[in-house]
N, C-alpha and C. Protein backbone atom coordinates (compact mmCIF):
# COMPACT_ATOMS: atom_id res chain seq x y z
N UNK A 1 -192.57 65.79 152.50
CA UNK A 1 -191.13 66.01 152.35
C UNK A 1 -190.68 65.45 151.01
N UNK A 2 -190.00 66.24 150.18
CA UNK A 2 -189.51 65.79 148.90
C UNK A 2 -188.27 64.94 149.08
N UNK A 3 -187.99 64.10 148.09
CA UNK A 3 -186.85 63.21 148.22
C UNK A 3 -185.56 63.99 148.37
N UNK A 4 -185.43 65.17 147.71
CA UNK A 4 -184.20 65.95 147.83
C UNK A 4 -183.96 66.38 149.26
N UNK A 5 -185.06 66.71 149.96
CA UNK A 5 -184.95 67.08 151.37
C UNK A 5 -184.68 65.85 152.22
N UNK A 6 -185.33 64.73 151.88
CA UNK A 6 -185.16 63.51 152.64
C UNK A 6 -183.73 63.01 152.57
N UNK A 7 -183.11 63.16 151.40
CA UNK A 7 -181.76 62.65 151.21
C UNK A 7 -180.73 63.35 152.08
N UNK A 8 -181.09 64.55 152.57
CA UNK A 8 -180.15 65.30 153.40
C UNK A 8 -179.90 64.62 154.73
N UNK A 9 -180.74 63.63 155.08
CA UNK A 9 -180.57 62.94 156.36
C UNK A 9 -179.64 61.75 156.25
N UNK A 10 -179.23 61.39 155.03
CA UNK A 10 -178.42 60.20 154.83
C UNK A 10 -177.14 60.23 155.64
N UNK A 11 -176.37 61.33 155.52
CA UNK A 11 -175.10 61.43 156.23
C UNK A 11 -175.30 61.33 157.73
N UNK A 12 -176.35 62.01 158.23
CA UNK A 12 -176.60 62.00 159.67
C UNK A 12 -176.89 60.59 160.16
N UNK A 13 -177.70 59.84 159.42
CA UNK A 13 -178.04 58.49 159.83
C UNK A 13 -176.80 57.60 159.80
N UNK A 14 -175.99 57.74 158.76
CA UNK A 14 -174.78 56.92 158.68
C UNK A 14 -173.86 57.19 159.87
N UNK A 15 -173.81 58.44 160.30
CA UNK A 15 -172.99 58.80 161.46
C UNK A 15 -173.60 58.21 162.73
N UNK A 16 -174.91 58.30 162.84
CA UNK A 16 -175.59 57.80 164.04
C UNK A 16 -175.49 56.29 164.15
N UNK A 17 -175.26 55.60 163.02
CA UNK A 17 -175.23 54.14 163.02
C UNK A 17 -173.82 53.59 163.04
N UNK A 18 -172.88 54.35 163.58
CA UNK A 18 -171.50 53.88 163.73
C UNK A 18 -171.52 52.84 164.85
N UNK A 19 -171.44 51.55 164.51
CA UNK A 19 -171.60 50.49 165.50
C UNK A 19 -170.49 50.49 166.55
N UNK A 20 -169.30 50.93 166.16
CA UNK A 20 -168.22 50.98 167.13
C UNK A 20 -168.49 52.05 168.17
N UNK A 21 -168.98 53.19 167.71
CA UNK A 21 -169.24 54.30 168.61
C UNK A 21 -170.39 53.99 169.57
N UNK A 22 -171.37 53.19 169.08
CA UNK A 22 -172.55 52.89 169.89
C UNK A 22 -172.59 51.42 170.30
N UNK A 23 -171.41 50.83 170.48
CA UNK A 23 -171.32 49.39 170.76
C UNK A 23 -172.12 48.99 172.00
N UNK A 24 -172.11 49.81 173.03
CA UNK A 24 -172.83 49.49 174.26
C UNK A 24 -174.31 49.33 174.02
N UNK A 25 -174.87 50.23 173.25
CA UNK A 25 -176.31 50.17 172.96
C UNK A 25 -176.65 48.89 172.22
N UNK A 26 -175.87 48.54 171.19
CA UNK A 26 -176.18 47.37 170.38
C UNK A 26 -175.97 46.07 171.14
N UNK A 27 -174.99 46.02 172.02
CA UNK A 27 -174.77 44.83 172.85
C UNK A 27 -175.95 44.63 173.80
N UNK A 28 -176.37 45.72 174.45
CA UNK A 28 -177.48 45.63 175.39
C UNK A 28 -178.78 45.32 174.64
N UNK A 29 -178.93 45.87 173.44
CA UNK A 29 -180.12 45.60 172.63
C UNK A 29 -180.21 44.11 172.30
N UNK A 30 -179.07 43.51 171.97
CA UNK A 30 -179.06 42.08 171.64
C UNK A 30 -179.40 41.24 172.87
N UNK A 31 -178.90 41.64 174.02
CA UNK A 31 -179.22 40.92 175.26
C UNK A 31 -180.73 40.96 175.52
N UNK A 32 -181.32 42.14 175.37
CA UNK A 32 -182.77 42.29 175.56
C UNK A 32 -183.53 41.45 174.55
N UNK A 33 -183.04 41.43 173.31
CA UNK A 33 -183.70 40.65 172.26
C UNK A 33 -183.74 39.16 172.63
N UNK A 34 -182.60 38.63 173.04
CA UNK A 34 -182.51 37.20 173.34
C UNK A 34 -183.39 36.85 174.55
N UNK A 35 -183.27 37.64 175.62
CA UNK A 35 -184.07 37.38 176.82
C UNK A 35 -185.56 37.53 176.51
N UNK A 36 -185.90 38.61 175.82
CA UNK A 36 -187.30 38.85 175.49
C UNK A 36 -187.90 37.76 174.62
N UNK A 37 -187.14 37.31 173.61
CA UNK A 37 -187.64 36.26 172.72
C UNK A 37 -187.81 34.94 173.46
N UNK A 38 -186.84 34.59 174.31
CA UNK A 38 -186.92 33.34 175.06
C UNK A 38 -188.10 33.34 176.02
N UNK A 39 -188.22 34.43 176.78
CA UNK A 39 -189.34 34.53 177.74
C UNK A 39 -190.66 34.50 176.98
N UNK A 40 -190.73 35.23 175.87
CA UNK A 40 -191.96 35.26 175.08
C UNK A 40 -192.35 33.89 174.57
N UNK A 41 -191.39 33.16 174.04
CA UNK A 41 -191.68 31.83 173.51
C UNK A 41 -192.13 30.86 174.61
N UNK A 42 -191.53 30.98 175.79
CA UNK A 42 -191.91 30.11 176.90
C UNK A 42 -193.35 30.40 177.34
N UNK A 43 -193.67 31.68 177.43
CA UNK A 43 -194.99 32.08 177.92
C UNK A 43 -196.11 31.80 176.92
N UNK A 44 -195.82 31.99 175.65
CA UNK A 44 -196.89 31.88 174.65
C UNK A 44 -196.86 30.57 173.88
N UNK A 45 -195.95 29.67 174.21
CA UNK A 45 -195.89 28.40 173.48
C UNK A 45 -197.22 27.64 173.46
N UNK A 46 -198.00 27.62 174.57
CA UNK A 46 -199.30 26.93 174.51
C UNK A 46 -200.23 27.59 173.49
N UNK A 47 -200.20 28.91 173.43
CA UNK A 47 -201.04 29.64 172.47
C UNK A 47 -200.61 29.31 171.04
N UNK A 48 -199.31 29.26 170.80
CA UNK A 48 -198.79 28.99 169.46
C UNK A 48 -199.17 27.58 169.01
N UNK A 49 -199.16 26.62 169.94
CA UNK A 49 -199.54 25.25 169.59
C UNK A 49 -201.01 25.18 169.19
N UNK A 50 -201.85 25.84 169.97
CA UNK A 50 -203.30 25.86 169.67
C UNK A 50 -203.56 26.53 168.33
N UNK A 51 -202.91 27.67 168.09
CA UNK A 51 -203.10 28.40 166.83
C UNK A 51 -202.64 27.56 165.64
N UNK A 52 -201.50 26.89 165.79
CA UNK A 52 -200.99 26.06 164.70
C UNK A 52 -201.98 24.95 164.34
N UNK A 53 -202.55 24.30 165.36
CA UNK A 53 -203.54 23.24 165.12
C UNK A 53 -204.79 23.82 164.47
N UNK A 54 -205.22 24.97 164.94
CA UNK A 54 -206.42 25.64 164.43
C UNK A 54 -206.25 25.97 162.95
N UNK A 55 -205.08 26.47 162.57
CA UNK A 55 -204.81 26.82 161.17
C UNK A 55 -204.87 25.57 160.29
N UNK A 56 -204.28 24.48 160.77
CA UNK A 56 -204.29 23.23 160.01
C UNK A 56 -205.71 22.71 159.81
N UNK A 57 -206.54 22.83 160.83
CA UNK A 57 -207.92 22.36 160.75
C UNK A 57 -208.76 23.27 159.84
N UNK A 58 -208.46 24.56 159.88
CA UNK A 58 -209.26 25.56 159.17
C UNK A 58 -209.08 25.51 157.66
N UNK A 59 -207.86 25.24 157.19
CA UNK A 59 -207.61 25.26 155.75
C UNK A 59 -206.45 24.36 155.37
N UNK A 60 -206.40 24.01 154.10
CA UNK A 60 -205.34 23.14 153.60
C UNK A 60 -204.02 23.90 153.54
N UNK A 61 -202.95 23.27 154.01
CA UNK A 61 -201.64 23.91 153.95
C UNK A 61 -200.93 23.88 155.28
N UNK A 62 -199.69 24.34 155.31
CA UNK A 62 -198.90 24.34 156.55
C UNK A 62 -199.38 25.40 157.53
N UNK A 63 -199.05 25.20 158.80
CA UNK A 63 -199.43 26.18 159.82
C UNK A 63 -198.55 27.42 159.76
N UNK A 64 -197.31 27.21 159.33
CA UNK A 64 -196.36 28.33 159.29
C UNK A 64 -196.09 28.77 157.85
N UNK A 65 -195.73 30.02 157.72
CA UNK A 65 -195.45 30.61 156.42
C UNK A 65 -194.05 31.20 156.46
N UNK A 66 -193.22 30.80 155.54
CA UNK A 66 -191.84 31.31 155.47
C UNK A 66 -191.68 32.14 154.20
N UNK A 67 -191.07 33.30 154.33
CA UNK A 67 -190.95 34.21 153.20
C UNK A 67 -189.65 34.99 153.29
N UNK A 68 -189.01 35.20 152.15
CA UNK A 68 -187.76 35.96 152.13
C UNK A 68 -188.06 37.44 152.33
N UNK A 69 -187.33 38.05 153.26
CA UNK A 69 -187.45 39.48 153.53
C UNK A 69 -186.05 40.10 153.50
N UNK A 70 -186.02 41.42 153.47
CA UNK A 70 -184.74 42.14 153.42
C UNK A 70 -184.43 42.68 154.81
N UNK A 71 -183.24 42.34 155.31
CA UNK A 71 -182.83 42.77 156.63
C UNK A 71 -181.80 43.89 156.59
N UNK A 72 -181.01 43.98 157.65
CA UNK A 72 -180.02 45.04 157.76
C UNK A 72 -179.00 44.97 156.63
N UNK A 73 -178.67 46.15 156.12
CA UNK A 73 -177.69 46.28 155.03
C UNK A 73 -178.10 45.53 153.77
N UNK A 74 -179.41 45.29 153.61
CA UNK A 74 -179.91 44.65 152.40
C UNK A 74 -179.77 43.15 152.37
N UNK A 75 -179.31 42.55 153.45
CA UNK A 75 -179.14 41.10 153.49
C UNK A 75 -180.50 40.41 153.64
N UNK A 76 -180.77 39.44 152.80
CA UNK A 76 -182.04 38.73 152.85
C UNK A 76 -182.02 37.59 153.86
N UNK A 77 -183.18 37.30 154.43
CA UNK A 77 -183.33 36.20 155.37
C UNK A 77 -184.75 35.65 155.25
N UNK A 78 -184.98 34.50 155.83
CA UNK A 78 -186.31 33.88 155.80
C UNK A 78 -187.06 34.25 157.07
N UNK A 79 -188.19 34.94 156.91
CA UNK A 79 -189.00 35.36 158.05
C UNK A 79 -190.17 34.40 158.23
N UNK A 80 -190.48 34.11 159.49
CA UNK A 80 -191.55 33.16 159.81
C UNK A 80 -192.80 33.86 160.33
N UNK A 81 -193.95 33.35 159.92
CA UNK A 81 -195.24 33.84 160.40
C UNK A 81 -196.20 32.66 160.46
N UNK A 82 -197.30 32.83 161.19
CA UNK A 82 -198.38 31.86 161.07
C UNK A 82 -199.08 32.15 159.74
N UNK A 83 -199.42 31.11 159.01
CA UNK A 83 -200.08 31.31 157.72
C UNK A 83 -201.48 31.87 157.94
N UNK A 84 -201.78 32.98 157.28
CA UNK A 84 -203.09 33.61 157.41
C UNK A 84 -203.84 33.67 156.07
N UNK A 85 -203.18 33.20 155.01
CA UNK A 85 -203.80 33.23 153.68
C UNK A 85 -203.88 31.82 153.09
N UNK A 86 -204.62 31.70 152.01
CA UNK A 86 -204.69 30.43 151.29
C UNK A 86 -203.31 30.16 150.67
N UNK A 87 -203.03 28.92 150.36
CA UNK A 87 -201.70 28.55 149.89
C UNK A 87 -201.35 29.11 148.52
N UNK A 88 -202.35 29.50 147.71
CA UNK A 88 -202.07 30.07 146.39
C UNK A 88 -202.23 31.58 146.37
N UNK A 89 -201.96 32.21 147.52
CA UNK A 89 -202.14 33.66 147.66
C UNK A 89 -201.30 34.46 146.66
N UNK A 90 -200.06 34.04 146.44
CA UNK A 90 -199.18 34.76 145.51
C UNK A 90 -199.72 34.71 144.09
N UNK A 91 -200.24 33.56 143.69
CA UNK A 91 -200.79 33.43 142.35
C UNK A 91 -202.02 34.31 142.16
N UNK A 92 -202.81 34.48 143.21
CA UNK A 92 -204.03 35.28 143.14
C UNK A 92 -203.75 36.78 143.21
N UNK A 93 -202.54 37.15 143.66
CA UNK A 93 -202.21 38.56 143.82
C UNK A 93 -202.37 39.34 142.52
N UNK A 94 -201.97 38.73 141.41
CA UNK A 94 -202.04 39.42 140.13
C UNK A 94 -203.45 39.87 139.78
N UNK A 95 -204.45 39.10 140.22
CA UNK A 95 -205.84 39.42 139.93
C UNK A 95 -206.37 40.55 140.81
N UNK A 96 -205.65 40.87 141.88
CA UNK A 96 -206.14 41.87 142.85
C UNK A 96 -205.36 43.18 142.83
N UNK A 97 -204.30 43.26 142.03
CA UNK A 97 -203.42 44.43 142.05
C UNK A 97 -204.16 45.74 141.82
N UNK A 98 -205.16 45.74 140.94
CA UNK A 98 -205.89 46.96 140.63
C UNK A 98 -206.72 47.46 141.80
N UNK A 99 -206.93 46.61 142.81
CA UNK A 99 -207.73 46.98 143.98
C UNK A 99 -206.88 47.46 145.15
N UNK A 100 -205.57 47.57 144.93
CA UNK A 100 -204.66 47.97 146.01
C UNK A 100 -205.08 49.29 146.63
N UNK A 101 -205.16 49.34 147.97
CA UNK A 101 -205.56 50.54 148.69
C UNK A 101 -204.39 51.22 149.39
N UNK A 102 -203.19 50.64 149.25
CA UNK A 102 -202.01 51.15 149.93
C UNK A 102 -201.13 51.89 148.95
N UNK A 103 -200.62 53.06 149.34
CA UNK A 103 -199.71 53.80 148.49
C UNK A 103 -198.34 53.15 148.48
N UNK A 104 -197.53 53.48 147.46
CA UNK A 104 -196.18 52.93 147.39
C UNK A 104 -196.19 51.48 146.94
N UNK A 105 -195.09 50.75 147.18
CA UNK A 105 -194.96 49.37 146.71
C UNK A 105 -195.69 48.34 147.55
N UNK A 106 -196.30 48.75 148.66
CA UNK A 106 -197.01 47.82 149.52
C UNK A 106 -198.37 47.47 148.93
N UNK A 107 -198.93 46.31 149.33
CA UNK A 107 -200.24 45.89 148.84
C UNK A 107 -201.17 45.63 150.02
N UNK A 108 -202.38 46.18 149.95
CA UNK A 108 -203.39 45.96 151.00
C UNK A 108 -204.76 46.30 150.43
N UNK A 109 -205.71 45.42 150.68
CA UNK A 109 -207.10 45.70 150.34
C UNK A 109 -207.98 45.24 151.50
N UNK A 110 -209.08 45.93 151.68
CA UNK A 110 -210.02 45.55 152.73
C UNK A 110 -210.71 44.25 152.34
N UNK A 111 -210.89 43.37 153.30
CA UNK A 111 -211.55 42.09 153.07
C UNK A 111 -210.85 41.30 151.96
N UNK A 112 -209.54 41.19 152.07
CA UNK A 112 -208.75 40.44 151.10
C UNK A 112 -209.27 39.00 151.02
N UNK A 113 -209.74 38.57 149.85
CA UNK A 113 -210.34 37.24 149.73
C UNK A 113 -209.35 36.09 149.93
N UNK A 114 -208.06 36.40 149.95
CA UNK A 114 -207.05 35.36 150.14
C UNK A 114 -206.88 34.98 151.60
N UNK A 115 -207.38 35.81 152.51
CA UNK A 115 -207.22 35.56 153.94
C UNK A 115 -208.23 34.52 154.42
N UNK A 116 -207.76 33.54 155.17
CA UNK A 116 -208.62 32.48 155.68
C UNK A 116 -209.43 32.97 156.89
N UNK A 117 -210.36 32.14 157.36
CA UNK A 117 -211.17 32.52 158.52
C UNK A 117 -210.30 32.73 159.75
N UNK A 118 -209.44 31.76 160.05
CA UNK A 118 -208.55 31.91 161.19
C UNK A 118 -207.52 32.99 160.91
N UNK A 119 -207.21 33.19 159.63
CA UNK A 119 -206.25 34.23 159.25
C UNK A 119 -206.70 35.62 159.67
N UNK A 120 -208.00 35.87 159.57
CA UNK A 120 -208.54 37.17 159.98
C UNK A 120 -208.31 37.40 161.46
N UNK A 121 -208.47 36.34 162.24
CA UNK A 121 -208.29 36.46 163.69
C UNK A 121 -206.83 36.67 164.05
N UNK A 122 -205.94 35.86 163.49
CA UNK A 122 -204.53 35.98 163.88
C UNK A 122 -203.93 37.31 163.41
N UNK A 123 -204.45 37.85 162.32
CA UNK A 123 -203.98 39.16 161.87
C UNK A 123 -204.52 40.27 162.76
N UNK A 124 -205.80 40.17 163.10
CA UNK A 124 -206.44 41.17 163.95
C UNK A 124 -205.75 41.28 165.29
N UNK A 125 -205.30 40.15 165.81
CA UNK A 125 -204.66 40.13 167.13
C UNK A 125 -203.13 40.16 167.06
N UNK A 126 -202.58 40.19 165.84
CA UNK A 126 -201.12 40.19 165.60
C UNK A 126 -200.46 38.88 166.01
N UNK A 127 -201.26 37.85 166.27
CA UNK A 127 -200.70 36.55 166.64
C UNK A 127 -199.87 35.96 165.50
N UNK A 128 -200.22 36.33 164.26
CA UNK A 128 -199.48 35.79 163.11
C UNK A 128 -198.00 36.17 163.13
N UNK A 129 -197.65 37.22 163.88
CA UNK A 129 -196.27 37.69 163.93
C UNK A 129 -195.42 36.94 164.97
N UNK A 130 -196.03 36.20 165.87
CA UNK A 130 -195.31 35.58 166.99
C UNK A 130 -194.16 34.66 166.59
N UNK A 131 -194.27 33.90 165.49
CA UNK A 131 -193.13 33.05 165.11
C UNK A 131 -191.85 33.82 164.82
N UNK A 132 -191.95 35.13 164.65
CA UNK A 132 -190.76 35.93 164.40
C UNK A 132 -189.85 36.03 165.63
N UNK A 133 -190.34 35.54 166.76
CA UNK A 133 -189.48 35.45 167.93
C UNK A 133 -188.31 34.50 167.65
N UNK A 134 -188.54 33.51 166.78
CA UNK A 134 -187.45 32.62 166.37
C UNK A 134 -186.43 33.38 165.52
N UNK A 135 -186.91 34.30 164.67
CA UNK A 135 -186.01 35.14 163.88
C UNK A 135 -185.16 36.02 164.76
N UNK A 136 -185.75 36.47 165.89
CA UNK A 136 -185.01 37.31 166.82
C UNK A 136 -183.90 36.50 167.49
N UNK A 137 -184.22 35.29 167.89
CA UNK A 137 -183.21 34.43 168.50
C UNK A 137 -182.06 34.15 167.53
N UNK A 138 -182.39 33.96 166.25
CA UNK A 138 -181.38 33.69 165.24
C UNK A 138 -180.51 34.91 164.96
N UNK A 139 -181.02 36.11 165.29
CA UNK A 139 -180.27 37.32 165.04
C UNK A 139 -180.65 38.03 163.75
N UNK A 140 -181.65 37.48 163.04
CA UNK A 140 -182.11 38.12 161.80
C UNK A 140 -182.89 39.40 162.10
N UNK A 141 -183.57 39.39 163.26
CA UNK A 141 -184.44 40.51 163.63
C UNK A 141 -184.17 40.93 165.06
N UNK A 142 -184.80 42.04 165.43
CA UNK A 142 -184.72 42.56 166.79
C UNK A 142 -186.15 42.75 167.30
N UNK A 143 -186.31 42.92 168.59
CA UNK A 143 -187.65 43.22 169.11
C UNK A 143 -188.16 44.54 168.55
N UNK A 144 -187.26 45.52 168.42
CA UNK A 144 -187.65 46.84 167.92
C UNK A 144 -186.81 47.19 166.70
N UNK A 145 -187.48 47.63 165.65
CA UNK A 145 -186.79 48.02 164.43
C UNK A 145 -187.79 48.12 163.30
N UNK A 146 -187.42 48.66 162.15
CA UNK A 146 -188.33 48.76 161.01
C UNK A 146 -188.85 47.38 160.60
N UNK A 147 -190.10 47.28 160.23
CA UNK A 147 -190.64 46.01 159.79
C UNK A 147 -189.94 45.56 158.51
N UNK A 148 -189.58 44.26 158.40
CA UNK A 148 -188.85 43.78 157.23
C UNK A 148 -189.70 43.78 155.97
N UNK A 149 -189.15 44.29 154.88
CA UNK A 149 -189.87 44.40 153.62
C UNK A 149 -189.52 43.28 152.66
N UNK A 150 -190.35 43.09 151.67
CA UNK A 150 -190.10 42.12 150.61
C UNK A 150 -189.04 42.67 149.65
N UNK A 151 -188.24 41.80 149.03
CA UNK A 151 -187.23 42.26 148.07
C UNK A 151 -187.83 43.11 146.95
N UNK A 152 -189.01 42.73 146.44
CA UNK A 152 -189.62 43.48 145.35
C UNK A 152 -190.08 44.87 145.81
N UNK A 153 -190.37 45.01 147.10
CA UNK A 153 -190.73 46.32 147.63
C UNK A 153 -189.50 47.20 147.77
N UNK A 154 -188.42 46.62 148.30
CA UNK A 154 -187.17 47.37 148.48
C UNK A 154 -186.64 47.86 147.14
N UNK A 155 -186.86 47.09 146.09
CA UNK A 155 -186.39 47.47 144.76
C UNK A 155 -187.03 48.77 144.29
N UNK A 156 -188.16 49.14 144.89
CA UNK A 156 -188.87 50.36 144.49
C UNK A 156 -188.65 51.51 145.48
N UNK A 157 -187.86 51.28 146.53
CA UNK A 157 -187.60 52.31 147.53
C UNK A 157 -186.80 53.47 146.93
N UNK A 158 -187.04 54.67 147.44
CA UNK A 158 -186.22 55.83 147.10
C UNK A 158 -184.95 55.76 147.93
N UNK A 159 -184.01 56.64 147.65
CA UNK A 159 -182.77 56.69 148.43
C UNK A 159 -183.07 56.91 149.91
N UNK A 160 -184.01 57.78 150.18
CA UNK A 160 -184.40 58.06 151.56
C UNK A 160 -184.96 56.82 152.24
N UNK A 161 -185.86 56.13 151.56
CA UNK A 161 -186.51 54.95 152.14
C UNK A 161 -185.54 53.81 152.38
N UNK A 162 -184.50 53.71 151.55
CA UNK A 162 -183.52 52.63 151.72
C UNK A 162 -182.69 52.80 152.98
N UNK A 163 -182.74 53.98 153.59
CA UNK A 163 -181.99 54.21 154.82
C UNK A 163 -182.50 53.35 155.96
N UNK A 164 -183.74 52.89 155.87
CA UNK A 164 -184.29 52.03 156.93
C UNK A 164 -183.56 50.69 156.98
N UNK A 165 -182.83 50.36 155.92
CA UNK A 165 -182.08 49.11 155.89
C UNK A 165 -180.80 49.19 156.71
N UNK A 166 -180.49 50.37 157.24
CA UNK A 166 -179.32 50.52 158.11
C UNK A 166 -179.54 49.74 159.40
N UNK A 167 -180.79 49.63 159.82
CA UNK A 167 -181.11 48.98 161.09
C UNK A 167 -181.58 47.54 160.88
N UNK A 168 -181.36 46.72 161.89
CA UNK A 168 -181.90 45.35 161.87
C UNK A 168 -183.42 45.46 161.97
N UNK A 169 -184.17 44.73 161.12
CA UNK A 169 -185.63 44.81 161.19
C UNK A 169 -186.16 44.31 162.52
N UNK A 170 -187.36 44.77 162.88
CA UNK A 170 -187.89 44.44 164.19
C UNK A 170 -189.31 43.90 164.18
N UNK A 171 -189.70 43.37 165.32
CA UNK A 171 -191.05 42.86 165.52
C UNK A 171 -192.03 44.02 165.70
N UNK A 172 -191.55 45.10 166.28
CA UNK A 172 -192.39 46.27 166.46
C UNK A 172 -191.60 47.54 166.18
N UNK A 173 -192.32 48.64 165.97
CA UNK A 173 -191.70 49.92 165.62
C UNK A 173 -192.73 51.02 165.81
N UNK A 174 -192.37 52.25 165.42
CA UNK A 174 -193.32 53.36 165.51
C UNK A 174 -194.60 53.03 164.75
N UNK A 175 -194.44 52.49 163.53
CA UNK A 175 -195.59 52.19 162.67
C UNK A 175 -196.52 51.18 163.33
N UNK A 176 -195.94 50.19 163.99
CA UNK A 176 -196.72 49.11 164.60
C UNK A 176 -197.63 49.64 165.71
N UNK A 177 -197.23 50.71 166.37
CA UNK A 177 -198.03 51.23 167.48
C UNK A 177 -198.78 52.51 167.09
N UNK A 178 -198.78 52.83 165.79
CA UNK A 178 -199.38 54.10 165.34
C UNK A 178 -200.49 53.90 164.32
N UNK A 179 -201.14 52.74 164.34
CA UNK A 179 -202.25 52.53 163.43
C UNK A 179 -201.94 51.62 162.27
N UNK A 180 -200.66 51.25 162.11
CA UNK A 180 -200.24 50.33 161.07
C UNK A 180 -200.79 50.71 159.69
N UNK A 181 -201.70 49.94 159.12
CA UNK A 181 -202.15 50.20 157.75
C UNK A 181 -202.99 51.46 157.62
N UNK A 182 -203.33 52.11 158.74
CA UNK A 182 -204.00 53.40 158.66
C UNK A 182 -203.01 54.51 158.34
N UNK A 183 -201.72 54.18 158.40
CA UNK A 183 -200.65 55.14 158.13
C UNK A 183 -200.22 55.00 156.67
N UNK A 184 -200.04 56.12 155.97
CA UNK A 184 -199.62 56.06 154.57
C UNK A 184 -198.21 55.48 154.46
N UNK A 185 -197.88 54.99 153.28
CA UNK A 185 -196.57 54.37 153.08
C UNK A 185 -195.45 55.39 153.33
N UNK A 186 -195.60 56.61 152.83
CA UNK A 186 -194.55 57.63 153.02
C UNK A 186 -194.36 57.96 154.49
N UNK A 187 -195.46 58.08 155.23
CA UNK A 187 -195.36 58.37 156.66
C UNK A 187 -194.70 57.21 157.39
N UNK A 188 -195.01 56.01 156.98
CA UNK A 188 -194.42 54.81 157.56
C UNK A 188 -192.90 54.84 157.40
N UNK A 189 -192.44 55.14 156.20
CA UNK A 189 -191.01 55.20 155.95
C UNK A 189 -190.34 56.31 156.78
N UNK A 190 -191.02 57.44 156.93
CA UNK A 190 -190.47 58.53 157.73
C UNK A 190 -190.37 58.12 159.20
N UNK A 191 -191.35 57.36 159.66
CA UNK A 191 -191.31 56.87 161.05
C UNK A 191 -190.10 55.97 161.27
N UNK A 192 -189.80 55.12 160.29
CA UNK A 192 -188.66 54.22 160.42
C UNK A 192 -187.34 54.99 160.48
N UNK A 193 -187.22 55.99 159.62
CA UNK A 193 -185.99 56.80 159.62
C UNK A 193 -185.89 57.59 160.92
N UNK A 194 -187.03 58.06 161.41
CA UNK A 194 -187.05 58.78 162.68
C UNK A 194 -186.55 57.88 163.81
N UNK A 195 -186.99 56.62 163.80
CA UNK A 195 -186.55 55.68 164.83
C UNK A 195 -185.04 55.49 164.77
N UNK A 196 -184.52 55.30 163.57
CA UNK A 196 -183.08 55.04 163.42
C UNK A 196 -182.26 56.22 163.94
N UNK A 197 -182.73 57.42 163.69
CA UNK A 197 -182.00 58.62 164.12
C UNK A 197 -182.08 58.84 165.62
N UNK A 198 -183.18 58.38 166.24
CA UNK A 198 -183.40 58.65 167.66
C UNK A 198 -183.26 57.42 168.56
N UNK A 199 -182.98 56.26 167.98
CA UNK A 199 -183.03 55.02 168.76
C UNK A 199 -182.09 55.03 169.95
N UNK A 200 -182.60 54.43 171.00
CA UNK A 200 -181.86 54.32 172.26
C UNK A 200 -182.52 53.21 173.06
N UNK A 201 -181.88 52.80 174.14
CA UNK A 201 -182.46 51.75 174.98
C UNK A 201 -183.80 52.20 175.54
N UNK A 202 -183.89 53.46 175.97
CA UNK A 202 -185.14 53.98 176.52
C UNK A 202 -186.25 53.97 175.47
N UNK A 203 -185.94 54.40 174.25
CA UNK A 203 -186.94 54.42 173.19
C UNK A 203 -187.40 53.00 172.87
N UNK A 204 -186.47 52.05 172.83
CA UNK A 204 -186.84 50.66 172.57
C UNK A 204 -187.80 50.13 173.63
N UNK A 205 -187.52 50.43 174.88
CA UNK A 205 -188.38 49.98 175.98
C UNK A 205 -189.76 50.61 175.87
N UNK A 206 -189.81 51.89 175.54
CA UNK A 206 -191.09 52.59 175.39
C UNK A 206 -191.93 51.95 174.27
N UNK A 207 -191.30 51.66 173.14
CA UNK A 207 -192.03 51.05 172.02
C UNK A 207 -192.49 49.63 172.35
N UNK A 208 -191.68 48.89 173.10
CA UNK A 208 -192.09 47.54 173.52
C UNK A 208 -193.32 47.62 174.42
N UNK A 209 -193.30 48.53 175.38
CA UNK A 209 -194.43 48.69 176.29
C UNK A 209 -195.69 49.14 175.55
N UNK A 210 -195.54 50.03 174.58
CA UNK A 210 -196.69 50.48 173.78
C UNK A 210 -197.24 49.33 172.95
N UNK A 211 -196.35 48.48 172.47
CA UNK A 211 -196.77 47.34 171.67
C UNK A 211 -197.63 46.39 172.48
N UNK A 212 -197.25 46.16 173.74
CA UNK A 212 -198.04 45.30 174.62
C UNK A 212 -199.45 45.84 174.74
N UNK A 213 -199.57 47.18 174.77
CA UNK A 213 -200.88 47.81 174.91
C UNK A 213 -201.76 47.66 173.70
N UNK A 214 -201.18 47.54 172.51
CA UNK A 214 -201.97 47.45 171.28
C UNK A 214 -201.96 46.06 170.64
N UNK A 215 -201.23 45.13 171.25
CA UNK A 215 -201.01 43.81 170.65
C UNK A 215 -202.31 43.14 170.25
N UNK A 216 -203.32 43.20 171.11
CA UNK A 216 -204.56 42.51 170.81
C UNK A 216 -205.67 43.46 170.37
N UNK A 217 -205.24 44.64 169.87
CA UNK A 217 -206.20 45.55 169.28
C UNK A 217 -206.21 45.38 167.78
N UNK A 218 -207.28 45.79 167.11
CA UNK A 218 -207.38 45.60 165.67
C UNK A 218 -207.18 46.89 164.89
N UNK A 219 -206.75 47.96 165.55
CA UNK A 219 -206.59 49.22 164.87
C UNK A 219 -205.51 49.11 163.81
N UNK A 220 -205.90 49.30 162.56
CA UNK A 220 -204.95 49.30 161.47
C UNK A 220 -204.34 47.97 161.16
N UNK A 221 -204.92 46.87 161.62
CA UNK A 221 -204.32 45.56 161.38
C UNK A 221 -204.23 45.30 159.89
N UNK A 222 -203.06 44.69 159.50
CA UNK A 222 -202.84 44.39 158.08
C UNK A 222 -203.58 43.11 157.70
C-alpha cells in the first residue's frame, strides 16, 4: 500500500477515536487494564523477583531497564523492562547498524552480541516485558494497543504510521501474536492501524487470550 493510499484512512481513524462517542469502551478498557495488571503482578511477582536476582548475578548492571518511549498523542513516558542487554548497548549500536535485518527505523539482528545470557531467555519467553504492568497501572500503557516506539523511530514515521499514536500503547497487539520480528515493519504498522480502526472490548479480549497462548513461545522473539 502506497502512502497516498494509506493517508486516506486518517479521517476515518480520527472519527473512530472520538473519545466522547466511545466513552464506554475506554472506561471499560481502563477497568480491565487495572484489574489485569494488578492480578498479573500478584501472580507473577515471585517469578519477577527470581528473574531480577538472576539478571543481577548474570551481568553487571541494574535488573530493570528504563527507556523513554512515545505514547498516545505523541506524549513521551518512561517504559520499564527487565534488562536483557549489556549496560553499554546504546554505545555499541553504532558499530552494528550496518548489520540491521529489520526494515524501516527499527533495529534487529540475529544473535545480537549485546544481549546477555539471561537476556536471551527473558526475550525468548517475553518475560522482559512484564515490568510494563507497572506502566499499565500508571496509565501510560494498556494491556492491548500498538507497541510503544522510540522517539527516534517515530521521527521517521510516515503520516500513515503516525496514526498509531492515536491509541495508548499496549503490552500486546496484532503484531505481538503474529510472529513479531518475523513481520516486516510496514506490515507491523498496518496491523496497528487495523487494530485502531477495529478495536472493541471483544477484540481486546481475543488478543489477550491469544497472547497467553504465545507468551512462552519463541516465534519471532525480538
